[in-house]
Amino acid sequence: MNYKALIFVLSFLVTSTGFGQGRSDVFTSSAEVTWLGLDFSGAKFIGDRERLGSESDIRHLLDAINDLMVKEADKYNVAAAIQKKKVEYATDVVKEHNSELDVLSMISAEGKDHVHLSPSGVEEIIASYDFKGKTGIGMMFNVESLNKLIDEGSYWVTFVNMGNKEVLFTERVTAPPSGFGMRNFWAGSVNGALAKIKKKEFENWRKKHG
């Protein structure tokens, strides 16, 4: 095998195993993206203590919102938001990570906690993840805050190379909640964030990162 052929084969192997994924790949219509779910590692529930109930209630809420997005994927249309025909789903990755969190520490009465994450903070969260051998582009919402004081959810929309845990980019999006019951109320905010991404944010990100 000559030198050029060897380079071609090595490049193909790197790309095919997902380690060659870059931020520009996020904007390729044919790119395969895996929806990982809502990560609550840095989340704060602000101003709604009486409705959160017990620790087990909070843990159930975290799972319930993630499960709802899979069950009603046509409504919570991640693929449409990022201009893909489809996305794969692997919410077990995030759900397992969420299960290890101290959920009681998420409760806050402080408005200042609404904005407290940063790109570097998201990178630290991603570094702590086990992607279970998955490669390629993963997408998750890193929940910053669900703020009942101002009726707004804040999320860092994160694209990651699952092969090497590199954060390709992360951007903050906010949206108001809607719906009845804690799960649907905050899931409405997630849906609002997806609508914003579909309407303009993804194109803005393409200009900035693509």
N, C-alpha and C. Protein backbone atom coordinates (compact mmCIF):
# COMPACT_ATOMS: atom_id res chain seq x y z
N MET A 1 0.85 -1.20 0.00
CA MET A 1 0.00 0.00 0.00
C MET A 1 0.88 1.25 0.00
N ASN A 2 0.63 2.16 -0.96
CA ASN A 2 1.46 3.35 -1.00
C ASN A 2 1.03 4.36 0.06
N TYR A 3 1.83 5.42 0.21
CA TYR A 3 1.64 6.39 1.28
C TYR A 3 0.28 7.09 1.19
N LYS A 4 -0.11 7.52 -0.01
CA LYS A 4 -1.39 8.24 -0.18
C LYS A 4 -2.57 7.34 0.16
N ALA A 5 -2.49 6.09 -0.25
CA ALA A 5 -3.57 5.16 0.05
C ALA A 5 -3.68 4.92 1.55
N LEU A 6 -2.53 4.83 2.23
CA LEU A 6 -2.52 4.62 3.67
C LEU A 6 -3.18 5.79 4.39
N ILE A 7 -2.85 7.02 3.96
CA ILE A 7 -3.45 8.21 4.57
C ILE A 7 -4.96 8.21 4.38
N PHE A 8 -5.41 7.83 3.18
CA PHE A 8 -6.84 7.78 2.89
C PHE A 8 -7.56 6.80 3.82
N VAL A 9 -6.97 5.61 3.98
CA VAL A 9 -7.59 4.59 4.81
C VAL A 9 -7.65 5.03 6.27
N LEU A 10 -6.58 5.62 6.77
CA LEU A 10 -6.55 6.09 8.15
C LEU A 10 -7.56 7.20 8.37
N SER A 11 -7.67 8.11 7.41
CA SER A 11 -8.64 9.20 7.52
C SER A 11 -10.06 8.65 7.55
N PHE A 12 -10.31 7.64 6.72
CA PHE A 12 -11.64 7.03 6.68
C PHE A 12 -11.97 6.36 8.01
N LEU A 13 -10.99 5.66 8.58
CA LEU A 13 -11.23 4.98 9.84
C LEU A 13 -11.51 5.95 10.96
N VAL A 14 -10.79 7.05 11.01
CA VAL A 14 -11.02 8.07 12.03
C VAL A 14 -12.41 8.65 11.91
N THR A 15 -12.79 9.00 10.68
CA THR A 15 -14.11 9.59 10.46
C THR A 15 -15.21 8.62 10.78
N SER A 16 -15.06 7.37 10.34
CA SER A 16 -16.13 6.39 10.52
C SER A 16 -16.35 6.01 11.97
N THR A 17 -15.33 6.16 12.80
CA THR A 17 -15.51 5.85 14.22
C THR A 17 -15.98 7.04 15.02
N GLY A 18 -16.16 8.17 14.38
CA GLY A 18 -16.75 9.31 15.06
C GLY A 18 -15.75 10.27 15.66
N PHE A 19 -14.46 9.92 15.64
CA PHE A 19 -13.48 10.79 16.27
C PHE A 19 -13.15 11.99 15.38
N GLY A 20 -13.56 11.95 14.11
CA GLY A 20 -13.27 13.05 13.21
C GLY A 20 -14.39 14.08 13.13
N GLN A 21 -15.39 13.95 13.99
CA GLN A 21 -16.52 14.87 13.93
C GLN A 21 -16.09 16.26 14.41
N GLY A 22 -16.39 17.27 13.58
CA GLY A 22 -16.11 18.65 13.94
C GLY A 22 -17.39 19.45 14.01
N ARG A 23 -17.26 20.71 14.46
CA ARG A 23 -18.48 21.51 14.66
C ARG A 23 -19.20 21.78 13.35
N SER A 24 -18.47 21.87 12.23
CA SER A 24 -19.14 22.11 10.96
C SER A 24 -20.03 20.94 10.56
N ASP A 25 -19.71 19.73 11.06
CA ASP A 25 -20.52 18.55 10.74
C ASP A 25 -21.93 18.66 11.30
N VAL A 26 -22.10 19.42 12.36
CA VAL A 26 -23.42 19.60 12.96
C VAL A 26 -24.41 20.15 11.94
N PHE A 27 -23.92 20.97 11.01
CA PHE A 27 -24.78 21.67 10.07
C PHE A 27 -24.94 20.95 8.74
N THR A 28 -24.34 19.78 8.62
CA THR A 28 -24.50 18.97 7.42
C THR A 28 -25.82 18.23 7.50
N SER A 29 -26.65 18.36 6.46
CA SER A 29 -27.99 17.77 6.51
C SER A 29 -27.96 16.26 6.67
N SER A 30 -26.91 15.63 6.18
CA SER A 30 -26.80 14.17 6.26
C SER A 30 -26.15 13.68 7.55
N ALA A 31 -25.72 14.61 8.41
CA ALA A 31 -25.03 14.22 9.64
C ALA A 31 -25.94 13.41 10.54
N GLU A 32 -25.40 12.36 11.14
CA GLU A 32 -26.15 11.57 12.11
C GLU A 32 -25.96 12.16 13.49
N VAL A 33 -27.07 12.53 14.11
CA VAL A 33 -27.04 13.15 15.43
C VAL A 33 -27.85 12.29 16.39
N THR A 34 -27.33 12.11 17.59
CA THR A 34 -28.02 11.33 18.62
C THR A 34 -28.53 12.27 19.71
N TRP A 35 -29.84 12.25 19.93
CA TRP A 35 -30.43 13.06 21.01
C TRP A 35 -30.23 12.32 22.33
N LEU A 36 -29.52 12.96 23.25
CA LEU A 36 -29.17 12.34 24.51
C LEU A 36 -30.11 12.71 25.65
N GLY A 37 -30.81 13.85 25.50
CA GLY A 37 -31.79 14.22 26.50
C GLY A 37 -31.44 15.47 27.27
N LEU A 38 -32.15 15.66 28.39
CA LEU A 38 -31.97 16.82 29.26
C LEU A 38 -31.07 16.44 30.42
N ASP A 39 -29.92 17.08 30.47
CA ASP A 39 -28.96 16.88 31.55
C ASP A 39 -29.24 17.91 32.64
N PHE A 40 -29.34 17.45 33.90
CA PHE A 40 -29.66 18.33 35.02
C PHE A 40 -28.47 18.54 35.96
N SER A 41 -27.25 18.30 35.47
CA SER A 41 -26.07 18.39 36.34
C SER A 41 -25.93 19.76 36.99
N GLY A 42 -26.24 20.82 36.26
CA GLY A 42 -26.08 22.16 36.81
C GLY A 42 -27.41 22.88 37.01
N ALA A 43 -28.49 22.12 37.05
CA ALA A 43 -29.83 22.72 37.06
C ALA A 43 -30.21 23.32 38.41
N LYS A 44 -31.03 24.37 38.35
CA LYS A 44 -31.64 24.96 39.53
C LYS A 44 -33.14 25.10 39.29
N PHE A 45 -33.93 24.58 40.23
CA PHE A 45 -35.37 24.84 40.26
C PHE A 45 -35.59 26.03 41.17
N ILE A 46 -36.03 27.13 40.60
CA ILE A 46 -36.08 28.39 41.35
C ILE A 46 -37.52 28.78 41.66
N GLY A 47 -37.81 28.97 42.96
CA GLY A 47 -39.07 29.57 43.38
C GLY A 47 -40.29 28.69 43.32
N ASP A 48 -40.14 27.38 43.38
CA ASP A 48 -41.31 26.50 43.26
C ASP A 48 -41.18 25.31 44.20
N ARG A 49 -40.62 25.54 45.38
CA ARG A 49 -40.31 24.44 46.30
C ARG A 49 -41.53 23.62 46.67
N GLU A 50 -42.66 24.27 46.94
CA GLU A 50 -43.82 23.55 47.44
C GLU A 50 -44.38 22.54 46.43
N ARG A 51 -44.13 22.77 45.14
CA ARG A 51 -44.66 21.87 44.12
C ARG A 51 -43.69 20.77 43.73
N LEU A 52 -42.46 20.85 44.23
CA LEU A 52 -41.46 19.85 43.86
C LEU A 52 -41.59 18.57 44.68
N GLY A 53 -42.22 18.67 45.87
CA GLY A 53 -42.42 17.48 46.68
C GLY A 53 -41.14 16.94 47.26
N SER A 54 -41.03 15.62 47.27
CA SER A 54 -39.90 14.94 47.90
C SER A 54 -38.75 14.73 46.92
N GLU A 55 -37.65 14.18 47.44
CA GLU A 55 -36.52 13.84 46.58
C GLU A 55 -36.94 12.87 45.47
N SER A 56 -37.73 11.88 45.82
CA SER A 56 -38.17 10.91 44.82
C SER A 56 -39.07 11.56 43.77
N ASP A 57 -39.85 12.57 44.18
CA ASP A 57 -40.69 13.30 43.22
C ASP A 57 -39.82 14.04 42.20
N ILE A 58 -38.75 14.63 42.67
CA ILE A 58 -37.86 15.38 41.78
C ILE A 58 -37.17 14.41 40.81
N ARG A 59 -36.70 13.29 41.32
CA ARG A 59 -36.05 12.30 40.45
C ARG A 59 -37.03 11.80 39.39
N HIS A 60 -38.26 11.58 39.80
CA HIS A 60 -39.27 11.14 38.84
C HIS A 60 -39.51 12.20 37.77
N LEU A 61 -39.52 13.47 38.17
CA LEU A 61 -39.73 14.57 37.23
C LEU A 61 -38.64 14.61 36.17
N LEU A 62 -37.39 14.43 36.58
CA LEU A 62 -36.27 14.45 35.63
C LEU A 62 -36.44 13.36 34.58
N ASP A 63 -36.79 12.16 35.02
CA ASP A 63 -37.00 11.06 34.08
C ASP A 63 -38.24 11.30 33.22
N ALA A 64 -39.29 11.82 33.84
CA ALA A 64 -40.56 11.97 33.14
C ALA A 64 -40.46 12.94 31.96
N ILE A 65 -39.72 14.03 32.13
CA ILE A 65 -39.56 14.98 31.03
C ILE A 65 -38.77 14.34 29.89
N ASN A 66 -37.71 13.62 30.24
CA ASN A 66 -36.92 12.94 29.20
C ASN A 66 -37.74 11.87 28.48
N ASP A 67 -38.52 11.12 29.24
CA ASP A 67 -39.35 10.08 28.64
C ASP A 67 -40.43 10.67 27.73
N LEU A 68 -41.00 11.78 28.15
CA LEU A 68 -42.04 12.43 27.36
C LEU A 68 -41.52 12.84 25.99
N MET A 69 -40.29 13.34 25.94
CA MET A 69 -39.73 13.79 24.67
C MET A 69 -39.52 12.64 23.69
N VAL A 70 -39.30 11.45 24.22
CA VAL A 70 -39.17 10.27 23.36
C VAL A 70 -40.55 9.76 22.96
N LYS A 71 -41.45 9.68 23.94
CA LYS A 71 -42.80 9.17 23.68
C LYS A 71 -43.54 10.05 22.69
N GLU A 72 -43.37 11.37 22.78
CA GLU A 72 -44.06 12.30 21.90
C GLU A 72 -43.04 13.02 21.01
N ALA A 73 -42.23 12.21 20.33
CA ALA A 73 -41.14 12.75 19.51
C ALA A 73 -41.64 13.62 18.37
N ASP A 74 -42.84 13.36 17.88
CA ASP A 74 -43.39 14.19 16.81
C ASP A 74 -43.67 15.61 17.30
N LYS A 75 -44.05 15.73 18.56
CA LYS A 75 -44.31 17.05 19.15
C LYS A 75 -43.00 17.74 19.53
N TYR A 76 -42.15 17.02 20.23
CA TYR A 76 -40.85 17.56 20.64
C TYR A 76 -39.85 17.17 19.55
N ASN A 77 -39.93 17.86 18.42
CA ASN A 77 -39.26 17.42 17.20
C ASN A 77 -37.83 17.97 17.13
N VAL A 78 -36.93 17.22 17.71
CA VAL A 78 -35.53 17.62 17.74
C VAL A 78 -34.96 17.68 16.33
N ALA A 79 -35.28 16.68 15.51
CA ALA A 79 -34.74 16.61 14.15
C ALA A 79 -35.10 17.85 13.34
N ALA A 80 -36.36 18.27 13.41
CA ALA A 80 -36.79 19.44 12.66
C ALA A 80 -36.08 20.70 13.14
N ALA A 81 -35.84 20.78 14.44
CA ALA A 81 -35.19 21.96 15.00
C ALA A 81 -33.78 22.15 14.46
N ILE A 82 -33.09 21.03 14.18
CA ILE A 82 -31.69 21.12 13.71
C ILE A 82 -31.56 20.69 12.25
N GLN A 83 -32.68 20.74 11.54
CA GLN A 83 -32.70 20.54 10.08
C GLN A 83 -32.14 19.17 9.67
N LYS A 84 -32.61 18.14 10.38
CA LYS A 84 -32.24 16.77 10.03
C LYS A 84 -33.51 15.97 9.73
N LYS A 85 -33.40 14.96 8.88
CA LYS A 85 -34.55 14.12 8.59
C LYS A 85 -34.94 13.29 9.80
N LYS A 86 -33.94 12.90 10.58
CA LYS A 86 -34.21 12.13 11.79
C LYS A 86 -33.02 12.26 12.73
N VAL A 87 -33.25 11.95 13.98
CA VAL A 87 -32.16 11.81 14.94
C VAL A 87 -32.32 10.46 15.63
N GLU A 88 -31.21 9.93 16.10
CA GLU A 88 -31.26 8.73 16.93
C GLU A 88 -31.54 9.16 18.37
N TYR A 89 -31.99 8.22 19.19
CA TYR A 89 -32.28 8.52 20.59
C TYR A 89 -31.47 7.60 21.49
N ALA A 90 -30.84 8.19 22.50
CA ALA A 90 -30.08 7.43 23.49
C ALA A 90 -30.18 8.15 24.83
N THR A 91 -31.41 8.36 25.29
CA THR A 91 -31.61 9.13 26.52
C THR A 91 -31.18 8.36 27.77
N ASP A 92 -30.90 7.06 27.61
CA ASP A 92 -30.40 6.31 28.75
C ASP A 92 -29.07 6.86 29.24
N VAL A 93 -28.30 7.46 28.33
CA VAL A 93 -27.01 8.05 28.70
C VAL A 93 -27.20 9.16 29.73
N VAL A 94 -28.12 10.07 29.43
CA VAL A 94 -28.38 11.20 30.32
C VAL A 94 -29.14 10.76 31.57
N LYS A 95 -30.11 9.88 31.40
CA LYS A 95 -30.90 9.44 32.55
C LYS A 95 -30.05 8.75 33.60
N GLU A 96 -29.09 7.95 33.15
CA GLU A 96 -28.19 7.30 34.10
C GLU A 96 -27.34 8.33 34.83
N HIS A 97 -26.86 9.32 34.10
CA HIS A 97 -26.05 10.38 34.71
C HIS A 97 -26.90 11.18 35.71
N ASN A 98 -28.13 11.53 35.32
CA ASN A 98 -29.01 12.28 36.21
C ASN A 98 -29.31 11.52 37.50
N SER A 99 -29.36 10.21 37.41
CA SER A 99 -29.73 9.40 38.58
C SER A 99 -28.70 9.50 39.70
N GLU A 100 -27.50 9.94 39.37
CA GLU A 100 -26.43 10.05 40.37
C GLU A 100 -26.35 11.44 41.01
N LEU A 101 -27.20 12.36 40.57
CA LEU A 101 -27.11 13.74 41.03
C LEU A 101 -27.79 13.94 42.39
N ASP A 102 -27.32 14.93 43.11
CA ASP A 102 -27.96 15.36 44.36
C ASP A 102 -29.10 16.31 43.99
N VAL A 103 -30.30 15.77 43.82
CA VAL A 103 -31.40 16.57 43.27
C VAL A 103 -31.89 17.63 44.26
N LEU A 104 -31.73 17.40 45.55
CA LEU A 104 -32.18 18.39 46.53
C LEU A 104 -31.36 19.68 46.44
N SER A 105 -30.12 19.57 45.97
CA SER A 105 -29.27 20.76 45.82
C SER A 105 -29.71 21.63 44.66
N MET A 106 -30.63 21.12 43.83
CA MET A 106 -31.13 21.89 42.69
C MET A 106 -32.16 22.94 43.12
N ILE A 107 -32.71 22.79 44.31
CA ILE A 107 -33.77 23.70 44.76
C ILE A 107 -33.17 25.02 45.20
N SER A 108 -33.77 26.11 44.72
CA SER A 108 -33.25 27.45 45.03
C SER A 108 -34.40 28.44 45.15
N ALA A 109 -34.17 29.46 45.94
CA ALA A 109 -35.12 30.58 46.03
C ALA A 109 -34.47 31.86 45.52
N GLU A 110 -33.29 31.73 44.92
CA GLU A 110 -32.49 32.88 44.52
C GLU A 110 -32.61 33.15 43.03
N GLY A 111 -33.10 34.32 42.68
CA GLY A 111 -33.21 34.70 41.29
C GLY A 111 -31.88 34.74 40.57
N LYS A 112 -30.82 35.01 41.31
CA LYS A 112 -29.48 35.10 40.70
C LYS A 112 -29.01 33.76 40.13
N ASP A 113 -29.65 32.66 40.56
CA ASP A 113 -29.26 31.34 40.06
C ASP A 113 -29.78 31.07 38.66
N HIS A 114 -30.58 31.99 38.14
CA HIS A 114 -31.14 31.78 36.80
C HIS A 114 -30.04 31.71 35.75
N VAL A 115 -29.02 32.52 35.91
CA VAL A 115 -27.89 32.53 34.97
C VAL A 115 -26.62 32.23 35.75
N HIS A 116 -26.12 31.00 35.64
CA HIS A 116 -24.93 30.65 36.40
C HIS A 116 -24.01 29.69 35.65
N LEU A 117 -24.49 29.05 34.59
CA LEU A 117 -23.63 28.18 33.80
C LEU A 117 -22.85 28.98 32.76
N SER A 118 -21.84 28.36 32.19
CA SER A 118 -21.01 28.99 31.16
C SER A 118 -20.52 27.87 30.25
N PRO A 119 -19.97 28.21 29.09
CA PRO A 119 -19.41 27.16 28.23
C PRO A 119 -18.38 26.29 28.94
N SER A 120 -17.54 26.89 29.76
CA SER A 120 -16.54 26.08 30.47
C SER A 120 -17.21 25.16 31.48
N GLY A 121 -18.30 25.63 32.09
CA GLY A 121 -19.04 24.78 33.02
C GLY A 121 -19.68 23.60 32.31
N VAL A 122 -20.19 23.84 31.11
CA VAL A 122 -20.76 22.76 30.31
C VAL A 122 -19.68 21.75 29.94
N GLU A 123 -18.51 22.23 29.60
CA GLU A 123 -17.40 21.33 29.26
C GLU A 123 -17.05 20.43 30.44
N GLU A 124 -17.09 20.98 31.65
CA GLU A 124 -16.81 20.17 32.83
C GLU A 124 -17.86 19.08 33.01
N ILE A 125 -19.12 19.43 32.74
CA ILE A 125 -20.19 18.44 32.84
C ILE A 125 -19.98 17.33 31.83
N ILE A 126 -19.69 17.71 30.59
CA ILE A 126 -19.50 16.71 29.54
C ILE A 126 -18.32 15.80 29.87
N ALA A 127 -17.28 16.34 30.44
CA ALA A 127 -16.10 15.54 30.78
C ALA A 127 -16.43 14.45 31.80
N SER A 128 -17.49 14.64 32.56
CA SER A 128 -17.87 13.66 33.59
C SER A 128 -18.78 12.56 33.06
N TYR A 129 -19.12 12.62 31.78
CA TYR A 129 -20.08 11.69 31.20
C TYR A 129 -19.47 10.37 30.75
N ASP A 130 -20.29 9.33 30.80
CA ASP A 130 -19.98 8.05 30.19
C ASP A 130 -20.92 7.89 29.00
N PHE A 131 -20.37 7.97 27.80
CA PHE A 131 -21.20 7.85 26.60
C PHE A 131 -21.37 6.40 26.13
N LYS A 132 -20.97 5.47 26.96
CA LYS A 132 -21.25 4.05 26.74
C LYS A 132 -20.74 3.55 25.38
N GLY A 133 -19.59 4.05 24.98
CA GLY A 133 -18.97 3.59 23.74
C GLY A 133 -19.57 4.18 22.49
N LYS A 134 -20.52 5.09 22.64
CA LYS A 134 -21.14 5.71 21.45
C LYS A 134 -20.18 6.72 20.84
N THR A 135 -20.27 6.86 19.52
CA THR A 135 -19.45 7.82 18.80
C THR A 135 -20.34 8.69 17.94
N GLY A 136 -19.74 9.65 17.27
CA GLY A 136 -20.51 10.57 16.44
C GLY A 136 -20.97 11.78 17.24
N ILE A 137 -21.93 12.49 16.69
CA ILE A 137 -22.41 13.74 17.29
C ILE A 137 -23.56 13.46 18.23
N GLY A 138 -23.41 13.88 19.46
CA GLY A 138 -24.48 13.82 20.44
C GLY A 138 -25.01 15.22 20.72
N MET A 139 -26.29 15.31 21.03
CA MET A 139 -26.90 16.59 21.36
C MET A 139 -27.66 16.45 22.66
N MET A 140 -27.49 17.40 23.55
CA MET A 140 -28.26 17.43 24.79
C MET A 140 -28.59 18.86 25.17
N PHE A 141 -29.58 19.01 26.02
CA PHE A 141 -29.86 20.28 26.67
C PHE A 141 -29.30 20.19 28.08
N ASN A 142 -28.33 21.04 28.40
CA ASN A 142 -27.86 21.16 29.77
C ASN A 142 -28.74 22.19 30.47
N VAL A 143 -29.61 21.71 31.33
CA VAL A 143 -30.56 22.61 31.98
C VAL A 143 -29.82 23.52 32.95
N GLU A 144 -29.99 24.82 32.77
CA GLU A 144 -29.39 25.80 33.68
C GLU A 144 -30.36 26.14 34.81
N SER A 145 -31.59 26.45 34.45
CA SER A 145 -32.58 26.77 35.48
C SER A 145 -33.99 26.65 34.93
N LEU A 146 -34.88 26.25 35.82
CA LEU A 146 -36.32 26.27 35.56
C LEU A 146 -36.88 27.23 36.60
N ASN A 147 -37.15 28.44 36.16
CA ASN A 147 -37.36 29.58 37.06
C ASN A 147 -38.82 29.97 37.10
N LYS A 148 -39.50 29.58 38.19
CA LYS A 148 -40.91 29.92 38.34
C LYS A 148 -41.10 31.39 38.70
N LEU A 149 -40.07 32.03 39.23
CA LEU A 149 -40.18 33.44 39.61
C LEU A 149 -40.45 34.32 38.39
N ILE A 150 -39.86 33.96 37.25
CA ILE A 150 -40.06 34.74 36.03
C ILE A 150 -40.66 33.90 34.90
N ASP A 151 -41.06 32.67 35.24
CA ASP A 151 -41.64 31.75 34.24
C ASP A 151 -40.76 31.64 33.00
N GLU A 152 -39.56 31.09 33.21
CA GLU A 152 -38.62 30.91 32.11
C GLU A 152 -37.72 29.72 32.37
N GLY A 153 -37.51 28.92 31.34
CA GLY A 153 -36.51 27.85 31.39
C GLY A 153 -35.28 28.29 30.63
N SER A 154 -34.12 27.96 31.16
CA SER A 154 -32.85 28.32 30.53
C SER A 154 -32.05 27.05 30.26
N TYR A 155 -31.58 26.91 29.02
CA TYR A 155 -30.91 25.69 28.58
C TYR A 155 -29.65 26.04 27.79
N TRP A 156 -28.60 25.24 27.99
CA TRP A 156 -27.44 25.29 27.12
C TRP A 156 -27.56 24.14 26.13
N VAL A 157 -27.72 24.48 24.87
CA VAL A 157 -27.87 23.49 23.80
C VAL A 157 -26.48 23.07 23.36
N THR A 158 -26.17 21.80 23.61
CA THR A 158 -24.79 21.34 23.48
C THR A 158 -24.66 20.22 22.46
N PHE A 159 -23.69 20.39 21.56
CA PHE A 159 -23.33 19.35 20.60
C PHE A 159 -21.94 18.85 20.97
N VAL A 160 -21.81 17.52 21.06
CA VAL A 160 -20.57 16.95 21.55
C VAL A 160 -20.12 15.80 20.66
N ASN A 161 -18.83 15.68 20.46
CA ASN A 161 -18.24 14.50 19.84
C ASN A 161 -18.16 13.43 20.92
N MET A 162 -19.04 12.44 20.83
CA MET A 162 -19.12 11.44 21.89
C MET A 162 -17.89 10.55 21.94
N GLY A 163 -17.14 10.49 20.84
CA GLY A 163 -15.96 9.65 20.81
C GLY A 163 -14.84 10.14 21.70
N ASN A 164 -14.71 11.48 21.81
CA ASN A 164 -13.62 12.01 22.63
C ASN A 164 -14.07 13.07 23.65
N LYS A 165 -15.40 13.24 23.80
CA LYS A 165 -16.01 14.17 24.76
C LYS A 165 -15.69 15.64 24.45
N GLU A 166 -15.35 15.92 23.21
CA GLU A 166 -15.11 17.31 22.83
C GLU A 166 -16.45 18.02 22.63
N VAL A 167 -16.63 19.15 23.30
CA VAL A 167 -17.81 19.97 23.07
C VAL A 167 -17.61 20.74 21.77
N LEU A 168 -18.42 20.42 20.77
CA LEU A 168 -18.29 21.08 19.47
C LEU A 168 -18.73 22.53 19.56
N PHE A 169 -19.85 22.76 20.21
CA PHE A 169 -20.24 24.10 20.65
C PHE A 169 -21.44 23.98 21.56
N THR A 170 -21.67 25.03 22.35
CA THR A 170 -22.82 25.09 23.24
C THR A 170 -23.34 26.52 23.25
N GLU A 171 -24.67 26.67 23.17
CA GLU A 171 -25.29 27.99 23.11
C GLU A 171 -26.51 28.02 24.04
N ARG A 172 -26.73 29.16 24.66
CA ARG A 172 -27.84 29.31 25.62
C ARG A 172 -29.13 29.71 24.91
N VAL A 173 -30.23 29.04 25.27
CA VAL A 173 -31.56 29.36 24.74
C VAL A 173 -32.54 29.37 25.90
N THR A 174 -33.45 30.33 25.92
CA THR A 174 -34.48 30.41 26.96
C THR A 174 -35.86 30.38 26.33
N ALA A 175 -36.84 29.94 27.11
CA ALA A 175 -38.22 29.91 26.62
C ALA A 175 -39.17 29.82 27.81
N PRO A 176 -40.37 30.37 27.68
CA PRO A 176 -41.36 30.29 28.77
C PRO A 176 -42.00 28.91 28.84
N PRO A 177 -42.43 28.50 30.02
CA PRO A 177 -43.12 27.22 30.16
C PRO A 177 -44.59 27.34 29.79
N SER A 178 -45.25 26.19 29.63
CA SER A 178 -46.69 26.17 29.36
C SER A 178 -47.20 24.76 29.63
N GLY A 179 -48.47 24.66 29.99
CA GLY A 179 -49.06 23.35 30.23
C GLY A 179 -49.42 23.15 31.69
N PHE A 180 -50.15 22.07 31.96
CA PHE A 180 -50.63 21.76 33.30
C PHE A 180 -49.81 20.62 33.90
N GLY A 181 -49.51 20.74 35.18
CA GLY A 181 -48.67 19.75 35.86
C GLY A 181 -47.21 20.08 35.67
N MET A 182 -46.40 19.70 36.65
CA MET A 182 -44.99 20.06 36.62
C MET A 182 -44.28 19.55 35.37
N ARG A 183 -44.52 18.30 35.00
CA ARG A 183 -43.85 17.73 33.83
C ARG A 183 -44.19 18.51 32.57
N ASN A 184 -45.47 18.66 32.30
CA ASN A 184 -45.89 19.32 31.06
C ASN A 184 -45.53 20.80 31.06
N PHE A 185 -45.59 21.42 32.24
CA PHE A 185 -45.28 22.85 32.37
C PHE A 185 -43.86 23.13 31.88
N TRP A 186 -42.89 22.38 32.39
CA TRP A 186 -41.51 22.64 31.99
C TRP A 186 -41.15 22.00 30.67
N ALA A 187 -41.84 20.92 30.31
CA ALA A 187 -41.65 20.36 28.96
C ALA A 187 -42.11 21.37 27.91
N GLY A 188 -43.11 22.19 28.26
CA GLY A 188 -43.53 23.25 27.35
C GLY A 188 -42.42 24.25 27.08
N SER A 189 -41.60 24.48 28.08
CA SER A 189 -40.45 25.37 27.91
C SER A 189 -39.42 24.75 26.99
N VAL A 190 -39.19 23.45 27.13
CA VAL A 190 -38.27 22.74 26.24
C VAL A 190 -38.75 22.83 24.81
N ASN A 191 -40.06 22.64 24.62
CA ASN A 191 -40.62 22.72 23.27
C ASN A 191 -40.48 24.13 22.71
N GLY A 192 -40.64 25.12 23.56
CA GLY A 192 -40.44 26.50 23.13
C GLY A 192 -39.01 26.77 22.70
N ALA A 193 -38.06 26.16 23.42
CA ALA A 193 -36.64 26.30 23.05
C ALA A 193 -36.38 25.64 21.69
N LEU A 194 -36.97 24.47 21.47
CA LEU A 194 -36.82 23.80 20.18
C LEU A 194 -37.40 24.65 19.05
N ALA A 195 -38.54 25.30 19.31
CA ALA A 195 -39.16 26.16 18.30
C ALA A 195 -38.25 27.34 17.96
N LYS A 196 -37.60 27.91 18.96
CA LYS A 196 -36.66 29.01 18.72
C LYS A 196 -35.47 28.55 17.87
N ILE A 197 -34.98 27.36 18.19
CA ILE A 197 -33.85 26.83 17.42
C ILE A 197 -34.25 26.65 15.97
N LYS A 198 -35.42 26.08 15.75
CA LYS A 198 -35.90 25.84 14.39
C LYS A 198 -36.11 27.14 13.64
N LYS A 199 -36.67 28.13 14.31
CA LYS A 199 -37.04 29.39 13.64
C LYS A 199 -35.83 30.22 13.24
N LYS A 200 -34.85 30.35 14.15
CA LYS A 200 -33.73 31.24 13.81
C LYS A 200 -32.38 30.84 14.40
N GLU A 201 -32.39 30.20 15.59
CA GLU A 201 -31.12 30.01 16.28
C GLU A 201 -30.17 29.08 15.52
N PHE A 202 -30.71 28.03 14.89
CA PHE A 202 -29.82 27.09 14.20
C PHE A 202 -29.09 27.79 13.05
N GLU A 203 -29.80 28.65 12.35
CA GLU A 203 -29.15 29.40 11.26
C GLU A 203 -28.13 30.39 11.82
N ASN A 204 -28.45 31.00 12.95
CA ASN A 204 -27.47 31.89 13.60
C ASN A 204 -26.22 31.12 13.98
N TRP A 205 -26.41 29.92 14.50
CA TRP A 205 -25.27 29.09 14.90
C TRP A 205 -24.47 28.66 13.68
N ARG A 206 -25.17 28.40 12.57
CA ARG A 206 -24.47 28.02 11.36
C ARG A 206 -23.52 29.13 10.92
N LYS A 207 -23.96 30.37 11.00
CA LYS A 207 -23.13 31.52 10.61
C LYS A 207 -21.96 31.68 11.58
N LYS A 208 -22.20 31.36 12.84
CA LYS A 208 -21.18 31.56 13.86
C LYS A 208 -20.18 30.41 13.93
N HIS A 209 -20.67 29.19 13.79
CA HIS A 209 -19.83 28.01 14.03
C HIS A 209 -19.56 27.17 12.77
N GLY A 210 -20.42 27.34 11.73
CA GLY A 210 -20.34 26.44 10.57
C GLY A 210 -19.25 26.81 9.60
